[in-house]
Amino acid sequence: MLHKIIRVLIADDSSVAREVVAQGVKTHRKERYIEVDVVDNGRAALETLRKKSIDIAFIDINMPGLNGPEVVSAMQETQSNECLTVAMSGSLDDKLEGVLKRFGAYHFLQKPFLPEDVAEIVGTYRMMVHDYPILIVDDSGTMRKITRKVLESSRFNFEITEADSAENALKKLAGREYAIVLTDFHMPGLDGLELAGSIRDLSSKIAIYMMSTNDTTYLERSAAFIGINGFLKKPFNAADIDTLMHEYLEIDKPKFGKVRDMFSFVSRERKAS
C-alpha cells in the first residue's frame, strides 16, 4: 500500500526548539515517509508554505521578519491553507489565543516541551488521515446531505454510507463493518434509541452518536445505559465532528479546538460533585 508523504514545516529562530521538534517528528519515520523543512524566520516559513502543500506546520509565535500569528493568517492564501498548524511559545495570552484560533491554528505547544509532545501531535495527524467507515442514519435526505458535507469538512477522513431508516441501517450493518454510526433520534418505525439497542446487540465496538434538534436531557440517561457514546445537537459543524473524533479515539484535545460535552447530564453531575 502506497502511503502519502507527510510534509512537515518547522519554523523557529531557536536552534534548540527546532531540534526538539525534529526529534519528535523523527519518531514516526519508521512507519511513514516524512519530509521536513526547517527555517529560522517567518518570511522563510511563509515562502515554504506557498511553494509546498505542508501537512503539519510547527510555527514559533515570536520570530524575526514575520511573527507566528502573521504567518498563520497569511497561510490562508497559500496551498498549505488546510495544514495542521501548531503554535509554539513560552506563553499564550487570551488575545493571541483568539487570533490564532480565528485563523485556524490547531494546537499550542508551551516551551519548553519534549520530543514526546511533538510525536503525539504527529500521531494525531496520522489518525486524522486514516479512513473511518461511518454510517449516517436519517429519514431526511436533506439532513443526510448536510451531514455528509459537514463530515467532509472535518479534519478527519471518513468513508461515508447513508441509510434512510433504522431498518435499512441494520441491513447495512449486517453487510460490513462500521467504526461509527451517526443516527437521528426521531425516525418513523424504529427510533434512534431502538436502533442503538439493536446495534449494541450486534457489537460493543461500534461508536454510536445520536443527532437531535431537541433538548436531549430526558433521553440521556437511557442513551448512556444502552451504550450510546454521545449526542450531537443539530445544527452542528465540522469542529463538533473533530471534537467527537478526539473523544472517540481518546487522543490529545487541541488547544484551539471546540469543547463539547457529549452528555450534558455528565457535565451537570461533575459540577455538582
Protein backbone atom coordinates (compact mmCIF):
# COMPACT_ATOMS: atom_id res chain seq x y z
CA MET A 1 0.00 0.00 0.00
CA LEU A 2 1.38 3.39 -1.01
CA HIS A 3 1.32 5.86 1.89
CA LYS A 4 1.06 9.59 1.42
CA ILE A 5 4.19 11.56 2.25
CA ILE A 6 3.77 13.71 5.37
CA ARG A 7 5.28 17.15 4.79
CA VAL A 8 6.30 18.98 7.95
CA LEU A 9 7.50 22.56 8.42
CA ILE A 10 9.47 23.59 11.50
CA ALA A 11 9.78 27.37 11.85
CA ASP A 12 11.59 28.76 14.89
CA ASP A 13 14.53 31.11 15.41
CA SER A 14 15.72 28.91 18.31
CA SER A 15 18.00 26.09 17.21
CA VAL A 16 17.18 24.20 20.43
CA ALA A 17 13.43 24.32 19.73
CA ARG A 18 13.97 23.29 16.11
CA GLU A 19 15.97 20.25 17.22
CA VAL A 20 13.37 19.17 19.80
CA VAL A 21 10.60 19.34 17.18
CA ALA A 22 12.74 17.46 14.67
CA GLN A 23 13.42 14.68 17.21
CA GLY A 24 9.69 14.32 17.88
CA VAL A 25 8.89 14.12 14.17
CA LYS A 26 11.59 11.51 13.56
CA THR A 27 9.91 9.01 15.90
CA HIS A 28 7.30 8.39 13.16
CA ARG A 29 9.71 7.94 10.27
CA LYS A 30 9.81 4.14 10.61
CA GLU A 31 6.10 3.94 9.74
CA ARG A 32 5.72 6.80 7.28
CA TYR A 33 7.95 8.76 4.93
CA ILE A 34 8.20 12.27 6.35
CA GLU A 35 9.70 15.24 4.51
CA VAL A 36 10.86 18.04 6.82
CA ASP A 37 11.62 21.68 6.00
CA VAL A 38 13.38 23.72 8.69
CA VAL A 39 13.53 27.55 8.70
CA ASP A 40 14.52 30.16 11.28
CA ASN A 41 12.29 33.10 10.40
CA GLY A 42 8.70 33.95 9.49
CA ARG A 43 9.28 35.06 5.90
CA ALA A 44 11.07 31.83 5.03
CA ALA A 45 8.23 29.90 6.69
CA LEU A 46 5.61 31.67 4.56
CA GLU A 47 7.63 31.10 1.41
CA THR A 48 7.77 27.37 2.15
CA LEU A 49 4.02 27.29 2.81
CA ARG A 50 3.48 28.93 -0.59
CA LYS A 51 5.79 26.58 -2.50
CA LYS A 52 4.66 23.29 -0.94
CA SER A 53 1.50 21.73 0.40
CA ILE A 54 2.56 21.38 4.03
CA ASP A 55 0.63 18.90 6.21
CA ILE A 56 1.86 19.92 9.68
CA ALA A 57 3.40 23.31 10.47
CA PHE A 58 5.14 23.97 13.79
CA ILE A 59 5.26 27.77 13.96
CA ASP A 60 7.04 29.79 16.66
CA ILE A 61 4.95 32.78 17.77
CA ASN A 62 7.94 35.13 18.13
CA MET A 63 10.17 35.15 15.06
CA PRO A 64 12.08 37.81 13.12
CA GLY A 65 10.65 39.01 9.82
CA LEU A 66 7.06 37.83 10.30
CA ASN A 67 5.81 36.62 13.66
CA GLY A 68 3.81 33.44 14.13
CA PRO A 69 0.29 34.97 14.00
CA GLU A 70 1.22 36.86 10.82
CA VAL A 71 2.42 33.63 9.22
CA VAL A 72 -0.71 31.75 10.30
CA SER A 73 -3.05 34.44 8.95
CA ALA A 74 -1.17 34.66 5.63
CA MET A 75 -1.22 30.85 5.37
CA GLN A 76 -4.90 31.03 4.39
CA GLU A 77 -3.85 32.30 0.92
CA THR A 78 -1.31 29.52 0.28
CA GLN A 79 -1.60 25.92 -0.92
CA SER A 80 -0.97 24.93 2.72
CA ASN A 81 -4.21 26.56 3.90
CA GLU A 82 -5.55 23.27 5.31
CA CYS A 83 -2.42 22.18 7.14
CA LEU A 84 -2.41 21.27 10.82
CA THR A 85 -0.88 24.34 12.48
CA VAL A 86 0.84 24.13 15.86
CA ALA A 87 1.85 27.40 17.51
CA MET A 88 4.85 27.39 19.88
CA SER A 89 5.83 29.84 22.62
CA GLY A 90 6.68 30.19 26.28
CA SER A 91 3.27 31.74 27.00
CA LEU A 92 -0.07 32.50 25.37
CA ASP A 93 -2.46 35.27 26.36
CA ASP A 94 -6.20 35.37 25.60
CA LYS A 95 -5.86 37.93 22.79
CA LEU A 96 -3.21 35.92 20.97
CA GLU A 97 -5.16 32.71 21.51
CA GLY A 98 -8.20 34.33 19.89
CA VAL A 99 -6.19 35.44 16.87
CA LEU A 100 -4.62 32.02 16.32
CA LYS A 101 -7.94 30.24 16.75
CA ARG A 102 -9.66 32.60 14.29
CA PHE A 103 -7.10 31.79 11.60
CA GLY A 104 -7.40 28.04 12.07
CA ALA A 105 -4.46 27.11 14.31
CA TYR A 106 -4.93 23.62 15.76
CA HIS A 107 -2.73 23.29 18.80
CA PHE A 108 -0.29 25.07 21.10
CA LEU A 109 2.99 23.77 22.49
CA GLN A 110 4.27 25.66 25.50
CA LYS A 111 8.03 25.90 25.72
CA PRO A 112 9.95 24.07 26.96
CA PHE A 113 8.34 20.93 25.55
CA LEU A 114 9.63 17.43 24.87
CA PRO A 115 10.02 15.41 21.65
CA GLU A 116 7.24 13.17 23.00
CA ASP A 117 4.80 16.11 22.90
CA VAL A 118 5.62 16.68 19.25
CA ALA A 119 5.39 12.97 18.46
CA GLU A 120 1.88 12.89 19.98
CA ILE A 121 0.70 15.64 17.62
CA VAL A 122 2.21 13.90 14.58
CA GLY A 123 0.49 10.72 15.75
CA THR A 124 -2.81 12.61 15.93
CA TYR A 125 -2.35 13.80 12.35
CA ARG A 126 -1.73 10.23 11.22
CA MET A 127 -5.00 9.20 12.86
CA MET A 128 -6.80 12.08 11.15
CA VAL A 129 -5.86 10.88 7.67
CA HIS A 130 -6.94 7.30 8.38
CA ASP A 131 -10.28 6.41 6.73
CA TYR A 132 -13.10 5.77 9.22
CA PRO A 133 -16.19 3.96 7.85
CA ILE A 134 -19.24 5.85 9.13
CA LEU A 135 -22.96 5.25 8.65
CA ILE A 136 -25.35 8.23 8.60
CA VAL A 137 -28.91 7.26 9.53
CA ASP A 138 -31.63 9.86 8.93
CA ASP A 139 -35.03 9.68 7.22
CA SER A 140 -34.47 13.18 5.79
CA GLY A 141 -32.49 13.21 2.56
CA THR A 142 -31.68 16.89 3.13
CA MET A 143 -30.23 16.19 6.57
CA ARG A 144 -28.17 13.29 5.24
CA LYS A 145 -26.75 15.59 2.57
CA ILE A 146 -25.95 18.30 5.14
CA THR A 147 -24.36 15.76 7.50
CA ARG A 148 -22.25 14.37 4.66
CA LYS A 149 -20.94 17.88 3.84
CA VAL A 150 -20.10 18.50 7.49
CA LEU A 151 -18.20 15.21 7.70
CA GLU A 152 -16.32 16.03 4.50
CA SER A 153 -15.28 19.38 6.04
CA SER A 154 -13.83 17.72 9.15
CA ARG A 155 -10.09 17.32 9.66
CA PHE A 156 -10.73 13.57 9.85
CA ASN A 157 -11.32 11.29 6.85
CA PHE A 158 -14.49 9.21 6.53
CA GLU A 159 -15.84 6.52 4.23
CA ILE A 160 -19.48 7.62 4.27
CA THR A 161 -22.54 5.39 3.81
CA GLU A 162 -26.15 6.54 4.21
CA ALA A 163 -29.35 4.83 5.38
CA ASP A 164 -32.84 6.39 5.32
CA SER A 165 -34.25 4.32 8.20
CA ALA A 166 -33.19 2.25 11.18
CA GLU A 167 -34.31 -0.88 9.37
CA ASN A 168 -32.08 -0.13 6.36
CA ALA A 169 -29.25 0.79 8.70
CA LEU A 170 -29.40 -2.65 10.31
CA LYS A 171 -29.24 -4.27 6.87
CA LYS A 172 -26.11 -2.26 6.02
CA LEU A 173 -24.55 -3.07 9.40
CA ALA A 174 -25.05 -6.77 8.69
CA GLY A 175 -23.17 -6.40 5.41
CA ARG A 176 -19.99 -4.61 6.51
CA GLU A 177 -18.11 -3.21 9.49
CA TYR A 178 -18.50 0.41 10.56
CA ALA A 179 -16.46 2.31 13.11
CA ILE A 180 -19.18 4.89 13.80
CA VAL A 181 -22.94 5.25 13.42
CA LEU A 182 -24.37 8.76 13.40
CA THR A 183 -28.14 8.43 13.78
CA ASP A 184 -31.12 10.73 14.02
CA PHE A 185 -33.38 10.17 17.03
CA HIS A 186 -36.80 10.96 15.53
CA MET A 187 -37.49 8.49 12.69
CA PRO A 188 -40.58 6.57 11.58
CA GLY A 189 -40.56 2.92 12.59
CA LEU A 190 -37.62 2.27 14.89
CA ASP A 191 -36.29 5.45 16.51
CA GLY A 192 -32.66 6.22 17.30
CA LEU A 193 -32.68 4.65 20.76
CA GLU A 194 -34.18 1.42 19.44
CA LEU A 195 -31.62 1.34 16.64
CA ALA A 196 -28.82 1.90 19.17
CA GLY A 197 -30.08 -1.02 21.25
CA SER A 198 -30.08 -3.26 18.19
CA ILE A 199 -26.55 -2.13 17.26
CA ARG A 200 -25.34 -2.93 20.76
CA ASP A 201 -26.76 -6.43 20.38
CA LEU A 202 -24.55 -6.74 17.28
CA SER A 203 -21.38 -5.13 18.59
CA SER A 204 -19.97 -3.29 21.58
CA LYS A 205 -17.20 -1.76 19.46
CA ILE A 206 -19.23 0.46 17.12
CA ALA A 207 -19.36 4.08 18.34
CA ILE A 208 -22.93 5.44 18.30
CA TYR A 209 -23.72 9.16 18.30
CA MET A 210 -27.26 10.47 18.19
CA MET A 211 -28.40 13.61 16.35
CA SER A 212 -31.38 15.63 17.56
CA THR A 213 -32.80 19.14 17.16
CA ASN A 214 -34.45 18.98 20.59
CA ASP A 215 -33.28 19.06 24.19
CA THR A 216 -31.87 15.59 24.83
CA THR A 217 -31.84 15.77 28.64
CA TYR A 218 -34.75 13.36 29.04
CA LEU A 219 -33.03 10.85 26.73
CA GLU A 220 -29.50 10.99 28.03
CA ARG A 221 -29.66 8.51 30.90
CA SER A 222 -31.44 5.94 28.75
CA ALA A 223 -28.93 6.55 25.96
CA ALA A 224 -25.97 6.14 28.30
CA PHE A 225 -27.49 2.93 29.70
CA ILE A 226 -27.87 1.50 26.18
CA GLY A 227 -24.28 2.41 25.37
CA ILE A 228 -24.61 5.44 23.13
CA ASN A 229 -21.35 7.40 23.06
CA GLY A 230 -22.92 10.86 22.90
CA PHE A 231 -25.27 13.40 21.34
CA LEU A 232 -24.87 15.98 18.60
CA LYS A 233 -27.46 18.73 18.72
CA LYS A 234 -28.46 19.98 15.27
CA PRO A 235 -27.16 22.09 13.67
CA PHE A 236 -23.57 21.01 14.20
CA ASN A 237 -20.42 21.76 12.22
CA ALA A 238 -17.04 20.28 11.33
CA ALA A 239 -15.49 21.46 14.61
CA ASP A 240 -18.10 19.43 16.50
CA ILE A 241 -17.17 16.35 14.46
CA ASP A 242 -13.49 16.96 15.22
CA THR A 243 -14.32 17.11 18.94
CA LEU A 244 -16.34 13.91 18.64
CA MET A 245 -13.43 12.14 16.95
CA HIS A 246 -10.93 13.24 19.58
CA GLU A 247 -13.25 11.81 22.24
CA TYR A 248 -13.85 8.61 20.26
CA LEU A 249 -10.16 7.97 19.55
CA GLU A 250 -9.06 9.17 23.01
CA ILE A 251 -6.36 11.39 21.55
CA ASP A 252 -4.98 14.74 22.69
CA LYS A 253 -7.51 17.57 22.77
CA PRO A 254 -6.31 20.51 20.64
CA LYS A 255 -5.75 23.82 22.40
CA PHE A 256 -7.76 25.73 19.79
CA GLY A 257 -10.42 23.07 19.31
CA LYS A 258 -14.06 23.16 20.32
CA VAL A 259 -15.11 21.97 23.76
CA ARG A 260 -18.30 19.94 23.80
CA ASP A 261 -19.97 17.63 26.32
CA MET A 262 -21.35 14.54 24.62
CA PHE A 263 -23.82 14.13 27.53
CA SER A 264 -24.93 17.28 29.33
CA PHE A 265 -26.05 15.41 32.46
CA VAL A 266 -22.47 14.19 32.97
CA SER A 267 -21.33 17.82 32.95
CA ARG A 268 -24.04 18.81 35.43
CA GLU A 269 -23.19 15.98 37.82
CA ARG A 270 -19.49 16.80 37.57
CA LYS A 271 -20.20 20.40 38.59
CA ALA A 272 -22.45 19.30 41.46
CA SER A 273 -19.89 16.91 42.97
